[in-house]
Every structure is written in C-alpha cells, then in structure tokens.
Amino acid sequence: MAAEAEALARRFYEAINRGDTDAALALLADDVRWHRPPDVPITGTLEGIGAVSKMWSAFTGSLERFEIEPTGYESEGDRVMARITMRGAAAGGGGDFEFSGAQVFRMAGDRIAEVHEFRSLPEARALLSS
C-alpha cells in the first residue's frame, strides 16, 4: 500500500508542476477534504473537488510561476507525508517566494481522499503516525 500511495502523491505533484490542474484534480476523490493552515491566504477545510479547484485557481491565478518540489516521502498505511518546498513568482514582477513544509495525504483506493498542509515536520509526522 505504501508504494502505491507514494506513487499517487508523486503523480499529483508531477501534474501540478507541469501546470495540469485538471490531471491533479482527477487524482482527488470527489469528496476530498483539504485542510489548510491558519497562516495562509486561503485557510480552513475545503470540501470537494470544486472547492479545491477554486482554491488552486485563486492561489495560482496571480502567479507567473509555481512549483512544489517534494524533497522526501514517509509512509504509514494509507497515508503519505511529503516534505515539500513551494516556489513561485508573482505575476507582473511581484517577486519570488519560497517556503517549506509538509503535506500529508490519506489515500482511498486510487484517489487522494484527504490532504493536510503543515509548516512544521513534527506536526505532519504526528498526523502520519496517528
């Protein structure tokens, strides 16, 4: 299960990084739950592919460039934690950004059922092992 779950997370990041939001969304369960940290522009829990799609559009719509670089994976059952670095550039010369953290995916079959975003690895690891 861990190898399949990690492969699914990798496919998600590959789709995002090539700018193929539709392919990334196709990997999500219809009733996906996406948990955002409190210190980001769009925060709280998003429910369903439509809400996640709106979040991605709002977040990336003002960017000239955006990527998520996974720098390592840890797996536990149906969950995968990806250590990540997000990078981008605001459109119109608004400047570059970069920050690191983690995303924990819970898989359900061949779909991503839930995503939690974290700024800290200890918090992400705590969820991974719970």
Protein backbone atom coordinates (compact mmCIF):
# COMPACT_ATOMS: atom_id res chain seq x y z
CA MET A 1 0.00 0.00 0.00
CA ALA A 2 2.77 2.45 0.87
CA ALA A 3 4.42 2.23 -2.56
CA GLU A 4 1.10 2.81 -4.35
CA ALA A 5 0.23 5.71 -2.06
CA GLU A 6 3.61 7.34 -2.65
CA ALA A 7 3.26 6.86 -6.43
CA LEU A 8 -0.12 8.61 -6.31
CA ALA A 9 1.37 11.56 -4.40
CA ARG A 10 4.19 11.75 -6.96
CA ARG A 11 1.69 11.83 -9.84
CA PHE A 12 -0.17 14.64 -8.08
CA TYR A 13 2.98 16.78 -7.81
CA GLU A 14 4.01 15.99 -11.39
CA ALA A 15 0.63 17.22 -12.66
CA ILE A 16 0.80 20.41 -10.57
CA ASN A 17 4.34 21.15 -11.71
CA ARG A 18 3.51 20.83 -15.38
CA GLY A 19 0.55 23.17 -14.87
CA ASP A 20 -2.06 20.46 -15.48
CA THR A 21 -4.56 21.26 -12.74
CA ASP A 22 -7.21 19.04 -14.36
CA ALA A 23 -4.91 15.99 -14.14
CA ALA A 24 -4.11 16.82 -10.49
CA LEU A 25 -7.81 17.21 -9.64
CA ALA A 26 -8.58 13.90 -11.36
CA LEU A 27 -6.45 12.19 -8.69
CA LEU A 28 -8.69 13.51 -5.90
CA ALA A 29 -11.74 11.74 -4.52
CA ASP A 30 -15.00 13.58 -5.28
CA ASP A 31 -15.49 14.25 -1.56
CA VAL A 32 -11.85 15.15 -0.85
CA ARG A 33 -11.14 17.18 2.30
CA TRP A 34 -8.21 19.63 2.11
CA HIS A 35 -7.02 21.17 5.38
CA ARG A 36 -5.10 24.46 5.08
CA PRO A 37 -3.00 26.01 7.86
CA PRO A 38 -4.24 29.16 9.61
CA ASP A 39 -1.44 31.42 8.35
CA VAL A 40 -2.04 31.16 4.58
CA PRO A 41 -4.26 33.28 2.30
CA ILE A 42 -6.93 30.58 1.88
CA THR A 43 -7.35 28.79 5.18
CA GLY A 44 -9.60 26.22 6.81
CA THR A 45 -11.01 22.96 5.48
CA LEU A 46 -12.12 22.74 1.87
CA GLU A 47 -14.56 20.00 0.95
CA GLY A 48 -14.98 18.55 -2.54
CA ILE A 49 -13.12 18.87 -5.81
CA GLY A 50 -14.93 22.12 -6.67
CA ALA A 51 -13.68 23.85 -3.53
CA VAL A 52 -10.12 22.59 -4.07
CA SER A 53 -10.22 23.71 -7.70
CA LYS A 54 -11.30 27.21 -6.64
CA MET A 55 -8.52 27.33 -4.05
CA TRP A 56 -5.87 26.36 -6.62
CA SER A 57 -7.21 28.88 -9.14
CA ALA A 58 -7.23 31.67 -6.56
CA PHE A 59 -3.75 30.78 -5.35
CA THR A 60 -2.03 30.23 -8.68
CA GLY A 61 -4.04 32.70 -10.77
CA SER A 62 -1.91 35.63 -9.66
CA LEU A 63 1.36 33.77 -10.15
CA GLU A 64 3.70 33.79 -13.08
CA ARG A 65 5.36 30.58 -11.92
CA PHE A 66 4.55 27.95 -9.31
CA GLU A 67 6.02 24.59 -8.35
CA ILE A 68 6.01 22.16 -5.47
CA GLU A 69 9.22 20.21 -5.03
CA PRO A 70 8.81 17.07 -2.94
CA THR A 71 12.09 16.50 -1.11
CA GLY A 72 11.23 13.20 0.54
CA TYR A 73 8.40 10.88 1.47
CA GLU A 74 7.41 8.91 4.55
CA SER A 75 4.55 6.41 4.52
CA GLU A 76 2.33 4.79 7.11
CA GLY A 77 -0.55 2.59 5.92
CA ASP A 78 -2.86 4.61 3.68
CA ARG A 79 -1.03 7.88 4.49
CA VAL A 80 1.95 9.53 2.85
CA MET A 81 3.81 12.56 4.13
CA ALA A 82 5.71 14.59 1.55
CA ARG A 83 8.32 17.08 2.70
CA ILE A 84 7.92 19.91 0.23
CA THR A 85 9.30 23.24 -0.90
CA MET A 86 6.87 25.55 -2.69
CA ARG A 87 8.33 28.14 -5.03
CA GLY A 88 6.81 30.72 -7.26
CA ALA A 89 6.86 34.18 -8.68
CA ALA A 90 4.05 36.73 -8.60
CA ALA A 91 2.86 37.99 -11.97
CA GLY A 92 3.99 41.42 -13.03
CA GLY A 93 7.31 41.30 -11.22
CA GLY A 94 5.76 40.97 -7.77
CA GLY A 95 8.69 38.96 -6.50
CA ASP A 96 9.68 35.40 -5.83
CA PHE A 97 8.63 33.31 -2.85
CA GLU A 98 9.77 30.05 -1.32
CA PHE A 99 8.67 28.17 1.77
CA SER A 100 8.96 24.65 3.07
CA GLY A 101 6.65 22.39 4.97
CA ALA A 102 4.82 19.11 4.54
CA GLN A 103 1.63 17.69 3.13
CA VAL A 104 0.05 14.52 4.49
CA PHE A 105 -2.16 12.62 2.06
CA ARG A 106 -4.69 9.97 3.02
CA MET A 107 -5.46 7.67 0.14
CA ALA A 108 -8.66 5.77 -0.58
CA GLY A 109 -8.04 3.23 -3.31
CA ASP A 110 -6.59 5.04 -6.31
CA ARG A 111 -7.63 8.52 -5.17
CA ILE A 112 -6.46 11.14 -2.68
CA ALA A 113 -9.19 11.37 -0.03
CA GLU A 114 -7.66 13.95 2.29
CA VAL A 115 -4.76 16.41 2.41
CA HIS A 116 -3.36 18.23 5.43
CA GLU A 117 -0.82 21.03 4.96
CA PHE A 118 1.73 21.84 7.64
CA ARG A 119 4.53 24.33 8.15
CA SER A 120 6.28 22.01 10.62
CA LEU A 121 7.52 18.46 10.09
CA PRO A 122 6.83 17.36 13.70
CA GLU A 123 3.13 18.24 13.29
CA ALA A 124 2.97 16.39 9.98
CA ARG A 125 4.74 13.33 11.41
CA ALA A 126 2.34 13.28 14.37
CA LEU A 127 -0.63 13.04 11.97
CA LEU A 128 1.16 10.47 9.81
CA SER A 129 1.67 8.13 12.74
CA SER A 130 -1.75 8.69 14.40
